[in-house]
Amino acid sequence: MPINPDAVGTKTGPFERSWDSKDCLLYALGVGAGAIDPTGFELEFTTENSMNVEQKVLPTFAVTIGMGFVANIGSFNMAMLLHGEQGIELHRPIPVDGKGLLTSECIGIYDKGKGAVAVTESVLVDKQTEEKLLTTRSSMFVRGEGGWGGDRGPSGNRNTPPDRTPDHEVSYQTRPDQTLLYRLSGDRNPLHSDPEFAKLAGYENPILHGLCTYGFTGRALLHTLCDSNPDSFTSMEGRFAKPVMPGDTLTVQMWVDGKEAIFQTVTQDGEAVFTNGKMTFK
């Protein structure tokens, strides 16, 4: 069946999610940590046995353990599916090893004319204590599935950068094979690894995972605004505006106001690829 607007309100779970030190290390490498850059080798995120360095978890690892799904949203060509927006809220720092229970709910399906947007919110709680660990919210844009006359949903710009020079800018170089490393954290969508599949979706070559761009961006925010301390990182949201190609340079521009920051990520060509960003910290 095509997109199913009646799926709004549907819940799934709880499902068990578990992760360990290796998962956290692999994710960190997948989003560029460990390269020689302004933050050095980031040993606290890329090693578990360094002298005087305790392993920590990148806050954006939340997207790998906290992403859920709702089964009856519809059946459609997966090549037409694009990640629209992504947000995370951390209720406490993510432990290096853990088990959680994940519950997801479809909170909106919107008719955008040329496509449909499905929004899912997921909550991960600690399996033993039942304390909230994190909340994620994601929107998926499905090309060709709109036009049924439904609600268009929220519109208009938010988290718009002020008309002044950014307070901070941090640049990271992605690897030509970045997608092959990032996919080992769980997202095996062939759009990011198979040239023939990428062509079916309208791209000349595989594109970088949106959540990989998200992770690169989160690293820049963490190191710049939180002094590299995940305990201080509380939330992050934004919109995937344009595809990123493996090998692109990503520059994160930040405008800070108290304990909030508006941000966007641009490529070496000045193209804004992750926009309407807002991050909170303490």
C-alpha atoms as a PDB file:
ATOM      1  CA  MET A   1       0.000   0.000   0.000  1.00  0.00           C
ATOM      2  CA  PRO A   2       1.129   3.652  -0.404  1.00  0.00           C
ATOM      3  CA  ILE A   3       1.670   6.000   2.521  1.00  0.00           C
ATOM      4  CA  ASN A   4      -0.910   5.374   5.247  1.00  0.00           C
ATOM      5  CA  PRO A   5      -2.107   8.573   7.003  1.00  0.00           C
ATOM      6  CA  ASP A   6      -4.128   6.481   9.459  1.00  0.00           C
ATOM      7  CA  ALA A   7      -0.872   5.296  11.038  1.00  0.00           C
ATOM      8  CA  VAL A   8      -0.666   8.471  13.152  1.00  0.00           C
ATOM      9  CA  GLY A   9      -0.822   7.497  16.808  1.00  0.00           C
ATOM     10  CA  THR A  10       0.434   3.973  16.187  1.00  0.00           C
ATOM     11  CA  LYS A  11       3.022   2.769  18.704  1.00  0.00           C
ATOM     12  CA  THR A  12       5.549  -0.042  18.539  1.00  0.00           C
ATOM     13  CA  GLY A  13       7.678  -1.660  21.202  1.00  0.00           C
ATOM     14  CA  PRO A  14       9.122  -1.781  23.639  1.00  0.00           C
ATOM     15  CA  PHE A  15      12.065  -3.433  21.906  1.00  0.00           C
ATOM     16  CA  GLU A  16      15.361  -4.155  23.605  1.00  0.00           C
ATOM     17  CA  ARG A  17      18.423  -2.249  22.459  1.00  0.00           C
ATOM     18  CA  SER A  18      21.891  -3.093  23.671  1.00  0.00           C
ATOM     19  CA  TRP A  19      25.313  -1.645  22.937  1.00  0.00           C
ATOM     20  CA  ASP A  20      28.857  -1.941  24.185  1.00  0.00           C
ATOM     21  CA  SER A  21      32.234  -0.240  24.088  1.00  0.00           C
ATOM     22  CA  LYS A  22      33.005  -1.474  20.576  1.00  0.00           C
ATOM     23  CA  ASP A  23      29.752  -0.072  19.170  1.00  0.00           C
ATOM     24  CA  CYS A  24      30.566   3.351  20.615  1.00  0.00           C
ATOM     25  CA  LEU A  25      34.128   3.273  19.261  1.00  0.00           C
ATOM     26  CA  LEU A  26      32.994   2.216  15.780  1.00  0.00           C
ATOM     27  CA  TYR A  27      30.374   4.961  15.671  1.00  0.00           C
ATOM     28  CA  ALA A  28      32.949   7.579  16.672  1.00  0.00           C
ATOM     29  CA  LEU A  29      35.274   6.488  13.872  1.00  0.00           C
ATOM     30  CA  GLY A  30      32.341   6.496  11.444  1.00  0.00           C
ATOM     31  CA  VAL A  31      31.686  10.194  12.094  1.00  0.00           C
ATOM     32  CA  GLY A  32      35.312  11.185  11.709  1.00  0.00           C
ATOM     33  CA  ALA A  33      36.660  11.065  15.255  1.00  0.00           C
ATOM     34  CA  GLY A  34      40.286  10.069  15.502  1.00  0.00           C
ATOM     35  CA  ALA A  35      41.551  12.020  12.519  1.00  0.00           C
ATOM     36  CA  ILE A  36      44.175  14.723  13.024  1.00  0.00           C
ATOM     37  CA  ASP A  37      42.062  17.860  13.321  1.00  0.00           C
ATOM     38  CA  PRO A  38      41.597  20.757  15.767  1.00  0.00           C
ATOM     39  CA  THR A  39      40.539  18.263  18.466  1.00  0.00           C
ATOM     40  CA  GLY A  40      43.447  15.863  17.986  1.00  0.00           C
ATOM     41  CA  PHE A  41      42.760  12.136  18.086  1.00  0.00           C
ATOM     42  CA  GLU A  42      39.754  12.369  20.472  1.00  0.00           C
ATOM     43  CA  LEU A  43      41.083   9.433  22.470  1.00  0.00           C
ATOM     44  CA  GLU A  44      38.238   9.504  25.010  1.00  0.00           C
ATOM     45  CA  PHE A  45      35.837   8.608  22.174  1.00  0.00           C
ATOM     46  CA  THR A  46      38.058   6.344  20.071  1.00  0.00           C
ATOM     47  CA  THR A  47      39.904   4.183  22.630  1.00  0.00           C
ATOM     48  CA  GLU A  48      38.957   2.168  25.705  1.00  0.00           C
ATOM     49  CA  ASN A  49      42.389   1.429  27.162  1.00  0.00           C
ATOM     50  CA  SER A  50      44.444   4.624  26.988  1.00  0.00           C
ATOM     51  CA  MET A  51      46.347   5.668  30.104  1.00  0.00           C
ATOM     52  CA  ASN A  52      44.495   8.304  32.128  1.00  0.00           C
ATOM     53  CA  VAL A  53      41.686   8.488  29.542  1.00  0.00           C
ATOM     54  CA  GLU A  54      38.219   7.168  30.366  1.00  0.00           C
ATOM     55  CA  GLN A  55      36.101   6.150  27.396  1.00  0.00           C
ATOM     56  CA  LYS A  56      33.117   8.405  26.679  1.00  0.00           C
ATOM     57  CA  VAL A  57      30.281   8.276  24.165  1.00  0.00           C
ATOM     58  CA  LEU A  58      29.541  10.888  21.516  1.00  0.00           C
ATOM     59  CA  PRO A  59      26.075  12.364  22.195  1.00  0.00           C
ATOM     60  CA  THR A  60      24.941  11.771  18.612  1.00  0.00           C
ATOM     61  CA  PHE A  61      25.405   8.023  19.136  1.00  0.00           C
ATOM     62  CA  ALA A  62      21.796   8.439  20.299  1.00  0.00           C
ATOM     63  CA  VAL A  63      20.659   8.085  16.689  1.00  0.00           C
ATOM     64  CA  THR A  64      22.001   4.534  16.436  1.00  0.00           C
ATOM     65  CA  ILE A  65      20.382   3.162  19.613  1.00  0.00           C
ATOM     66  CA  GLY A  66      17.342   5.438  19.765  1.00  0.00           C
ATOM     67  CA  MET A  67      15.902   5.299  16.259  1.00  0.00           C
ATOM     68  CA  GLY A  68      12.612   3.447  16.032  1.00  0.00           C
ATOM     69  CA  PHE A  69      10.018   2.655  13.396  1.00  0.00           C
ATOM     70  CA  VAL A  70       6.270   2.225  13.015  1.00  0.00           C
ATOM     71  CA  ALA A  71       5.358  -0.799  10.921  1.00  0.00           C
ATOM     72  CA  ASN A  72       2.170   0.320   9.155  1.00  0.00           C
ATOM     73  CA  ILE A  73       3.229   3.710   7.781  1.00  0.00           C
ATOM     74  CA  GLY A  74       2.988   2.219   4.298  1.00  0.00           C
ATOM     75  CA  SER A  75       4.796   0.356   1.558  1.00  0.00           C
ATOM     76  CA  PHE A  76       6.764   2.334  -1.002  1.00  0.00           C
ATOM     77  CA  ASN A  77       9.944   2.359  -3.070  1.00  0.00           C
ATOM     78  CA  MET A  78      12.802   2.746  -0.575  1.00  0.00           C
ATOM     79  CA  ALA A  79      14.837   4.574  -3.217  1.00  0.00           C
ATOM     80  CA  MET A  80      12.327   7.430  -2.825  1.00  0.00           C
ATOM     81  CA  LEU A  81      12.917   7.768   0.934  1.00  0.00           C
ATOM     82  CA  LEU A  82      14.977  10.694   2.235  1.00  0.00           C
ATOM     83  CA  HIS A  83      15.790  11.709   5.793  1.00  0.00           C
ATOM     84  CA  GLY A  84      14.171  15.109   6.353  1.00  0.00           C
ATOM     85  CA  GLU A  85      14.886  16.207   9.916  1.00  0.00           C
ATOM     86  CA  GLN A  86      16.490  14.755  13.017  1.00  0.00           C
ATOM     87  CA  GLY A  87      16.460  15.724  16.672  1.00  0.00           C
ATOM     88  CA  ILE A  88      17.844  14.192  19.849  1.00  0.00           C
ATOM     89  CA  GLU A  89      17.346  15.019  23.514  1.00  0.00           C
ATOM     90  CA  LEU A  90      19.668  13.488  26.095  1.00  0.00           C
ATOM     91  CA  HIS A  91      18.135  13.043  29.538  1.00  0.00           C
ATOM     92  CA  ARG A  92      21.476  11.846  30.879  1.00  0.00           C
ATOM     93  CA  PRO A  93      24.833  10.868  29.339  1.00  0.00           C
ATOM     94  CA  ILE A  94      24.862   7.645  27.315  1.00  0.00           C
ATOM     95  CA  PRO A  95      26.774   4.876  29.116  1.00  0.00           C
ATOM     96  CA  VAL A  96      29.560   3.026  27.303  1.00  0.00           C
ATOM     97  CA  ASP A  97      27.750  -0.283  27.836  1.00  0.00           C
ATOM     98  CA  GLY A  98      24.007  -0.515  28.244  1.00  0.00           C
ATOM     99  CA  LYS A  99      20.651  -2.130  27.647  1.00  0.00           C
ATOM    100  CA  GLY A 100      17.502  -0.179  27.016  1.00  0.00           C
ATOM    101  CA  LEU A 101      13.876  -0.524  25.991  1.00  0.00           C
ATOM    102  CA  LEU A 102      12.758   1.508  22.984  1.00  0.00           C
ATOM    103  CA  THR A 103       9.179   2.603  22.277  1.00  0.00           C
ATOM    104  CA  SER A 104       8.236   4.488  19.111  1.00  0.00           C
ATOM    105  CA  GLU A 105       5.163   6.414  17.992  1.00  0.00           C
ATOM    106  CA  CYS A 106       4.131   7.908  14.671  1.00  0.00           C
ATOM    107  CA  ILE A 107       3.242  11.478  15.654  1.00  0.00           C
ATOM    108  CA  GLY A 108       2.437  12.889  12.222  1.00  0.00           C
ATOM    109  CA  ILE A 109       2.043  12.153   8.499  1.00  0.00           C
ATOM    110  CA  TYR A 110       1.807  15.188   6.262  1.00  0.00           C
ATOM    111  CA  ASP A 111       0.893  15.772   2.625  1.00  0.00           C
ATOM    112  CA  LYS A 112       3.561  17.926   0.954  1.00  0.00           C
ATOM    113  CA  GLY A 113       2.116  17.612  -2.540  1.00  0.00           C
ATOM    114  CA  LYS A 114       5.058  16.024  -4.330  1.00  0.00           C
ATOM    115  CA  GLY A 115       5.735  13.773  -1.383  1.00  0.00           C
ATOM    116  CA  ALA A 116       4.761  12.801   2.150  1.00  0.00           C
ATOM    117  CA  VAL A 117       6.488  13.396   5.474  1.00  0.00           C
ATOM    118  CA  ALA A 118       6.239  10.854   8.286  1.00  0.00           C
ATOM    119  CA  VAL A 119       7.378  11.896  11.777  1.00  0.00           C
ATOM    120  CA  THR A 120       8.365   9.369  14.429  1.00  0.00           C
ATOM    121  CA  GLU A 121       9.269   9.968  18.077  1.00  0.00           C
ATOM    122  CA  SER A 122      11.121   7.313  20.069  1.00  0.00           C
ATOM    123  CA  VAL A 123      11.990   7.077  23.747  1.00  0.00           C
ATOM    124  CA  LEU A 124      14.757   4.859  25.112  1.00  0.00           C
ATOM    125  CA  VAL A 125      14.690   3.955  28.812  1.00  0.00           C
ATOM    126  CA  ASP A 126      17.269   2.086  30.877  1.00  0.00           C
ATOM    127  CA  LYS A 127      16.157  -1.546  31.039  1.00  0.00           C
ATOM    128  CA  GLN A 128      16.959  -1.928  34.743  1.00  0.00           C
ATOM    129  CA  THR A 129      15.977   1.426  36.221  1.00  0.00           C
ATOM    130  CA  GLU A 130      13.343   2.469  33.629  1.00  0.00           C
ATOM    131  CA  GLU A 131      14.874   5.962  33.699  1.00  0.00           C
ATOM    132  CA  LYS A 132      14.723   7.909  30.438  1.00  0.00           C
ATOM    133  CA  LEU A 133      18.019   7.880  28.603  1.00  0.00           C
ATOM    134  CA  LEU A 134      17.124   9.776  25.457  1.00  0.00           C
ATOM    135  CA  THR A 135      14.413  10.846  23.040  1.00  0.00           C
ATOM    136  CA  THR A 136      14.772  11.012  19.266  1.00  0.00           C
ATOM    137  CA  ARG A 137      12.488  12.570  16.700  1.00  0.00           C
ATOM    138  CA  SER A 138      12.912  12.003  12.972  1.00  0.00           C
ATOM    139  CA  SER A 139      11.014  12.961   9.854  1.00  0.00           C
ATOM    140  CA  MET A 140      11.230  11.037   6.610  1.00  0.00           C
ATOM    141  CA  PHE A 141      10.318  12.507   3.225  1.00  0.00           C
ATOM    142  CA  VAL A 142       8.917  10.010   0.718  1.00  0.00           C
ATOM    143  CA  ARG A 143       9.005  11.342  -2.821  1.00  0.00           C
ATOM    144  CA  GLY A 144       5.918  10.679  -4.925  1.00  0.00           C
ATOM    145  CA  GLU A 145       3.636   9.759  -1.997  1.00  0.00           C
ATOM    146  CA  GLY A 146       1.821  13.082  -1.519  1.00  0.00           C
ATOM    147  CA  GLY A 147      -1.263  14.567  -3.103  1.00  0.00           C
ATOM    148  CA  TRP A 148      -4.035  12.851  -1.151  1.00  0.00           C
ATOM    149  CA  GLY A 149      -5.338  16.148   0.265  1.00  0.00           C
ATOM    150  CA  GLY A 150      -4.039  15.745   3.802  1.00  0.00           C
ATOM    151  CA  ASP A 151      -2.717  18.297   6.274  1.00  0.00           C
ATOM    152  CA  ARG A 152       0.509  19.923   5.047  1.00  0.00           C
ATOM    153  CA  GLY A 153       1.854  20.098   8.586  1.00  0.00           C
ATOM    154  CA  PRO A 154       4.176  22.693  10.126  1.00  0.00           C
ATOM    155  CA  SER A 155       5.826  25.099   7.704  1.00  0.00           C
ATOM    156  CA  GLY A 156       8.037  28.152   7.758  1.00  0.00           C
ATOM    157  CA  ASN A 157      11.634  28.630   8.790  1.00  0.00           C
ATOM    158  CA  ARG A 158      12.774  28.175  12.353  1.00  0.00           C
ATOM    159  CA  ASN A 159      16.169  28.339  14.003  1.00  0.00           C
ATOM    160  CA  THR A 160      17.278  30.925  11.441  1.00  0.00           C
ATOM    161  CA  PRO A 161      20.854  32.197  11.844  1.00  0.00           C
ATOM    162  CA  PRO A 162      21.137  35.863  12.825  1.00  0.00           C
ATOM    163  CA  ASP A 163      22.422  38.371  10.311  1.00  0.00           C
ATOM    164  CA  ARG A 164      25.992  38.474  11.591  1.00  0.00           C
ATOM    165  CA  THR A 165      29.236  36.577  11.387  1.00  0.00           C
ATOM    166  CA  PRO A 166      29.173  33.206  13.161  1.00  0.00           C
ATOM    167  CA  ASP A 167      30.673  33.101  16.635  1.00  0.00           C
ATOM    168  CA  HIS A 168      32.481  29.864  15.783  1.00  0.00           C
ATOM    169  CA  GLU A 169      33.344  27.850  12.693  1.00  0.00           C
ATOM    170  CA  VAL A 170      34.814  24.349  12.693  1.00  0.00           C
ATOM    171  CA  SER A 171      35.740  22.392   9.561  1.00  0.00           C
ATOM    172  CA  TYR A 172      36.141  18.635   9.141  1.00  0.00           C
ATOM    173  CA  GLN A 173      37.229  16.706   6.061  1.00  0.00           C
ATOM    174  CA  THR A 174      35.171  13.604   5.307  1.00  0.00           C
ATOM    175  CA  ARG A 175      36.868  10.563   3.774  1.00  0.00           C
ATOM    176  CA  PRO A 176      36.149   9.305   0.239  1.00  0.00           C
ATOM    177  CA  ASP A 177      35.173   5.985   1.873  1.00  0.00           C
ATOM    178  CA  GLN A 178      33.309   7.540   4.807  1.00  0.00           C
ATOM    179  CA  THR A 179      30.038   5.817   3.929  1.00  0.00           C
ATOM    180  CA  LEU A 180      31.631   2.365   4.029  1.00  0.00           C
ATOM    181  CA  LEU A 181      32.823   3.003   7.577  1.00  0.00           C
ATOM    182  CA  TYR A 182      29.666   4.692   8.872  1.00  0.00           C
ATOM    183  CA  ARG A 183      27.352   1.942   7.559  1.00  0.00           C
ATOM    184  CA  LEU A 184      28.958  -0.526   9.985  1.00  0.00           C
ATOM    185  CA  SER A 185      27.041   1.215  12.784  1.00  0.00           C
ATOM    186  CA  GLY A 186      23.809  -0.195  11.364  1.00  0.00           C
ATOM    187  CA  ASP A 187      22.503   1.866   8.427  1.00  0.00           C
ATOM    188  CA  ARG A 188      23.030  -0.524   5.493  1.00  0.00           C
ATOM    189  CA  ASN A 189      20.898   1.450   3.019  1.00  0.00           C
ATOM    190  CA  PRO A 190      22.551   0.739  -0.373  1.00  0.00           C
ATOM    191  CA  LEU A 191      21.970   4.382  -1.357  1.00  0.00           C
ATOM    192  CA  HIS A 192      25.219   5.030   0.507  1.00  0.00           C
ATOM    193  CA  SER A 193      27.310   2.160  -0.840  1.00  0.00           C
ATOM    194  CA  ASP A 194      25.926   0.803  -4.129  1.00  0.00           C
ATOM    195  CA  PRO A 195      26.503   3.003  -7.223  1.00  0.00           C
ATOM    196  CA  GLU A 196      23.721   1.281  -9.175  1.00  0.00           C
ATOM    197  CA  PHE A 197      21.180   1.783  -6.392  1.00  0.00           C
ATOM    198  CA  ALA A 198      22.283   5.422  -6.062  1.00  0.00           C
ATOM    199  CA  LYS A 199      21.577   5.926  -9.781  1.00  0.00           C
ATOM    200  CA  LEU A 200      18.048   4.557  -9.303  1.00  0.00           C
ATOM    201  CA  ALA A 201      17.547   7.273  -6.673  1.00  0.00           C
ATOM    202  CA  GLY A 202      18.823   9.961  -9.045  1.00  0.00           C
ATOM    203  CA  TYR A 203      22.408  10.346  -7.843  1.00  0.00           C
ATOM    204  CA  GLU A 204      25.556   9.783  -9.883  1.00  0.00           C
ATOM    205  CA  ASN A 205      27.320   8.169  -6.919  1.00  0.00           C
ATOM    206  CA  PRO A 206      26.468   7.004  -3.399  1.00  0.00           C
ATOM    207  CA  ILE A 207      25.846   9.903  -1.037  1.00  0.00           C
ATOM    208  CA  LEU A 208      26.903  10.330   2.579  1.00  0.00           C
ATOM    209  CA  HIS A 209      24.418   9.187   5.210  1.00  0.00           C
ATOM    210  CA  GLY A 210      22.499  12.168   6.538  1.00  0.00           C
ATOM    211  CA  LEU A 211      23.145  10.871  10.043  1.00  0.00           C
ATOM    212  CA  CYS A 212      26.869  10.785   9.304  1.00  0.00           C
ATOM    213  CA  THR A 213      26.709  14.516   8.517  1.00  0.00           C
ATOM    214  CA  TYR A 214      24.700  14.813  11.733  1.00  0.00           C
ATOM    215  CA  GLY A 215      27.496  13.104  13.658  1.00  0.00           C
ATOM    216  CA  PHE A 216      30.238  15.290  12.169  1.00  0.00           C
ATOM    217  CA  THR A 217      28.149  18.337  13.068  1.00  0.00           C
ATOM    218  CA  GLY A 218      27.528  17.077  16.591  1.00  0.00           C
ATOM    219  CA  ARG A 219      31.264  16.575  17.140  1.00  0.00           C
ATOM    220  CA  ALA A 220      31.950  20.195  16.212  1.00  0.00           C
ATOM    221  CA  LEU A 221      29.240  21.412  18.591  1.00  0.00           C
ATOM    222  CA  LEU A 222      30.454  19.158  21.407  1.00  0.00           C
ATOM    223  CA  HIS A 223      34.089  20.218  21.215  1.00  0.00           C
ATOM    224  CA  THR A 224      33.371  23.913  20.659  1.00  0.00           C
ATOM    225  CA  LEU A 225      30.476  24.573  23.038  1.00  0.00           C
ATOM    226  CA  CYS A 226      30.782  21.803  25.643  1.00  0.00           C
ATOM    227  CA  ASP A 227      34.549  21.642  26.074  1.00  0.00           C
ATOM    228  CA  SER A 228      34.306  18.065  24.708  1.00  0.00           C
ATOM    229  CA  ASN A 229      32.214  16.996  27.732  1.00  0.00           C
ATOM    230  CA  PRO A 230      29.137  14.907  26.760  1.00  0.00           C
ATOM    231  CA  ASP A 231      27.561  15.665  30.163  1.00  0.00           C
ATOM    232  CA  SER A 232      26.994  19.247  28.951  1.00  0.00           C
ATOM    233  CA  PHE A 233      25.299  18.309  25.651  1.00  0.00           C
ATOM    234  CA  THR A 234      21.501  18.238  26.064  1.00  0.00           C
ATOM    235  CA  SER A 235      19.808  18.478  22.650  1.00  0.00           C
ATOM    236  CA  MET A 236      20.342  18.953  18.925  1.00  0.00           C
ATOM    237  CA  GLU A 237      17.976  19.283  15.980  1.00  0.00           C
ATOM    238  CA  GLY A 238      18.119  20.285  12.338  1.00  0.00           C
ATOM    239  CA  ARG A 239      17.074  19.678   8.746  1.00  0.00           C
ATOM    240  CA  PHE A 240      18.897  17.798   6.001  1.00  0.00           C
ATOM    241  CA  ALA A 241      18.848  20.320   3.158  1.00  0.00           C
ATOM    242  CA  LYS A 242      21.095  18.839   0.456  1.00  0.00           C
ATOM    243  CA  PRO A 243      23.096  15.662  -0.125  1.00  0.00           C
ATOM    244  CA  VAL A 244      26.736  15.451   0.938  1.00  0.00           C
ATOM    245  CA  MET A 245      29.259  13.508  -1.114  1.00  0.00           C
ATOM    246  CA  PRO A 246      31.974  11.416   0.550  1.00  0.00           C
ATOM    247  CA  GLY A 247      35.168  13.485   0.544  1.00  0.00           C
ATOM    248  CA  ASP A 248      33.381  16.821   1.040  1.00  0.00           C
ATOM    249  CA  THR A 249      34.622  19.240   3.665  1.00  0.00           C
ATOM    250  CA  LEU A 250      31.974  20.131   6.248  1.00  0.00           C
ATOM    251  CA  THR A 251      32.095  23.470   8.068  1.00  0.00           C
ATOM    252  CA  VAL A 252      29.812  23.967  11.059  1.00  0.00           C
ATOM    253  CA  GLN A 253      28.865  27.607  11.669  1.00  0.00           C
ATOM    254  CA  MET A 254      27.546  28.493  15.143  1.00  0.00           C
ATOM    255  CA  TRP A 255      25.746  31.513  16.585  1.00  0.00           C
ATOM    256  CA  VAL A 256      25.615  31.342  20.373  1.00  0.00           C
ATOM    257  CA  ASP A 257      23.078  32.917  22.726  1.00  0.00           C
ATOM    258  CA  GLY A 258      23.527  31.855  26.339  1.00  0.00           C
ATOM    259  CA  LYS A 259      23.121  28.098  26.536  1.00  0.00           C
ATOM    260  CA  GLU A 260      21.640  27.774  23.058  1.00  0.00           C
ATOM    261  CA  ALA A 261      23.238  27.837  19.648  1.00  0.00           C
ATOM    262  CA  ILE A 262      21.795  28.193  16.168  1.00  0.00           C
ATOM    263  CA  PHE A 263      23.960  26.406  13.620  1.00  0.00           C
ATOM    264  CA  GLN A 264      24.250  25.222  10.060  1.00  0.00           C
ATOM    265  CA  THR A 265      26.666  23.004   8.168  1.00  0.00           C
ATOM    266  CA  VAL A 266      28.029  23.974   4.750  1.00  0.00           C
ATOM    267  CA  THR A 267      30.343  22.277   2.252  1.00  0.00           C
ATOM    268  CA  GLN A 268      33.530  23.593   0.681  1.00  0.00           C
ATOM    269  CA  ASP A 269      31.362  25.121  -2.061  1.00  0.00           C
ATOM    270  CA  GLY A 270      29.334  27.128   0.444  1.00  0.00           C
ATOM    271  CA  GLU A 271      26.263  24.909  -0.009  1.00  0.00           C
ATOM    272  CA  ALA A 272      24.177  24.657   3.176  1.00  0.00           C
ATOM    273  CA  VAL A 273      23.584  20.921   3.653  1.00  0.00           C
ATOM    274  CA  PHE A 274      22.290  20.793   7.249  1.00  0.00           C
ATOM    275  CA  THR A 275      20.171  23.779   8.245  1.00  0.00           C
ATOM    276  CA  ASN A 276      17.724  25.173  10.800  1.00  0.00           C
ATOM    277  CA  GLY A 277      19.924  23.737  13.504  1.00  0.00           C
ATOM    278  CA  LYS A 278      19.507  24.351  17.216  1.00  0.00           C
ATOM    279  CA  MET A 279      21.600  22.914  20.018  1.00  0.00           C
ATOM    280  CA  THR A 280      21.240  23.345  23.792  1.00  0.00           C
ATOM    281  CA  PHE A 281      23.919  22.738  26.387  1.00  0.00           C
ATOM    282  CA  LYS A 282      24.646  23.378  30.036  1.00  0.00           C
END
